[in-house]
Amino acid sequence: MQRTHNAAGARSTMNKDNPSLRIRTMYAQKTEKNPVVKLGPDIKAKIGMQLRLMYGEIVDQGVPERFVQIIKRLDDPNCEGM
């Protein structure tokens, strides 16, 4: 068993024989205690619409000018660092 710390400094335990909760949830099987819930097409459409609205705003913001300048300097073969 291996102990690690996450970005917040909290200790977590990693074990190759015990997959994380996220992976176990992804492959969850329907049981009496764990019913698999399926979303209807109307709910999926609504979630998709809301995600497109939310991420569309982020895409429309564009790249900040300071990032454009950094990228230009990185692409310049004559520039030896920043």
Protein backbone atom coordinates (compact mmCIF):
# COMPACT_ATOMS: atom_id res chain seq x y z
CA MET A 1 0.00 0.00 0.00
CA GLN A 2 1.33 3.46 -0.91
CA ARG A 3 0.41 6.70 0.82
CA THR A 4 0.31 9.95 -1.16
CA HIS A 5 -0.83 13.50 -0.56
CA ASN A 6 -3.15 15.40 -2.85
CA ALA A 7 -2.86 19.08 -3.85
CA ALA A 8 -4.61 20.18 -0.65
CA GLY A 9 -2.18 18.14 1.47
CA ALA A 10 -4.75 15.53 2.44
CA ARG A 11 -3.38 12.02 2.75
CA SER A 12 -4.82 9.36 0.49
CA THR A 13 -4.11 5.66 0.17
CA MET A 14 -3.39 4.02 -3.17
CA ASN A 15 -3.71 0.31 -3.62
CA LYS A 16 -3.38 -1.39 -7.02
CA ASP A 17 -5.84 -4.09 -5.97
CA ASN A 18 -8.51 -1.59 -4.88
CA PRO A 19 -9.58 0.78 -7.70
CA SER A 20 -10.67 4.28 -6.82
CA LEU A 21 -14.29 5.09 -6.11
CA ARG A 22 -14.57 6.91 -9.43
CA ILE A 23 -13.53 3.86 -11.42
CA ARG A 24 -15.77 1.57 -9.39
CA THR A 25 -18.68 3.95 -9.99
CA MET A 26 -18.01 4.03 -13.76
CA TYR A 27 -18.36 0.27 -13.96
CA ALA A 28 -21.11 -0.10 -11.37
CA GLN A 29 -23.47 -3.01 -11.87
CA LYS A 30 -27.14 -2.85 -11.03
CA THR A 31 -27.85 -4.36 -7.63
CA GLU A 32 -30.59 -3.99 -5.06
CA LYS A 33 -28.50 -1.44 -3.12
CA ASN A 34 -27.05 0.21 -6.23
CA PRO A 35 -29.67 0.70 -8.95
CA VAL A 36 -28.25 1.98 -12.24
CA VAL A 37 -30.02 5.19 -13.19
CA LYS A 38 -30.42 5.94 -16.89
CA LEU A 39 -31.13 9.44 -18.13
CA GLY A 40 -33.85 9.97 -20.67
CA PRO A 41 -33.17 11.74 -23.96
CA ASP A 42 -34.87 14.93 -22.76
CA ILE A 43 -32.59 15.14 -19.71
CA LYS A 44 -29.49 14.41 -21.82
CA ALA A 45 -30.53 17.14 -24.27
CA LYS A 46 -31.00 19.64 -21.44
CA ILE A 47 -27.61 18.79 -19.91
CA GLY A 48 -25.96 19.11 -23.34
CA MET A 49 -27.60 22.48 -23.95
CA GLN A 50 -26.50 23.82 -20.57
CA LEU A 51 -22.91 22.58 -21.07
CA ARG A 52 -22.75 24.21 -24.51
CA LEU A 53 -24.00 27.50 -23.05
CA MET A 54 -21.53 27.41 -20.17
CA TYR A 55 -18.48 26.40 -22.21
CA GLY A 56 -19.48 28.56 -25.17
CA GLU A 57 -19.02 31.64 -22.98
CA ILE A 58 -15.53 30.49 -22.06
CA VAL A 59 -14.58 29.86 -25.70
CA ASP A 60 -15.95 33.27 -26.70
CA GLN A 61 -13.67 35.00 -24.18
CA GLY A 62 -10.67 34.24 -26.37
CA VAL A 63 -7.04 34.02 -25.32
CA PRO A 64 -5.72 36.77 -23.02
CA GLU A 65 -3.17 39.04 -24.73
CA ARG A 66 -0.41 38.14 -22.24
CA PHE A 67 -0.74 34.47 -23.26
CA VAL A 68 -0.56 35.42 -26.94
CA GLN A 69 2.69 37.29 -26.23
CA ILE A 70 4.16 34.35 -24.30
CA ILE A 71 3.30 31.94 -27.11
CA LYS A 72 4.86 34.28 -29.68
CA ARG A 73 8.06 34.45 -27.64
CA LEU A 74 8.15 30.66 -27.27
CA ASP A 75 7.71 30.25 -31.03
CA ASP A 76 10.49 32.77 -31.80
CA PRO A 77 13.72 30.85 -32.57
CA ASN A 78 15.81 33.97 -31.76
CA CYS A 79 14.39 34.32 -28.26
CA GLU A 80 16.51 32.60 -25.57
CA GLY A 81 14.09 32.61 -22.66
CA MET A 82 11.79 35.14 -21.13
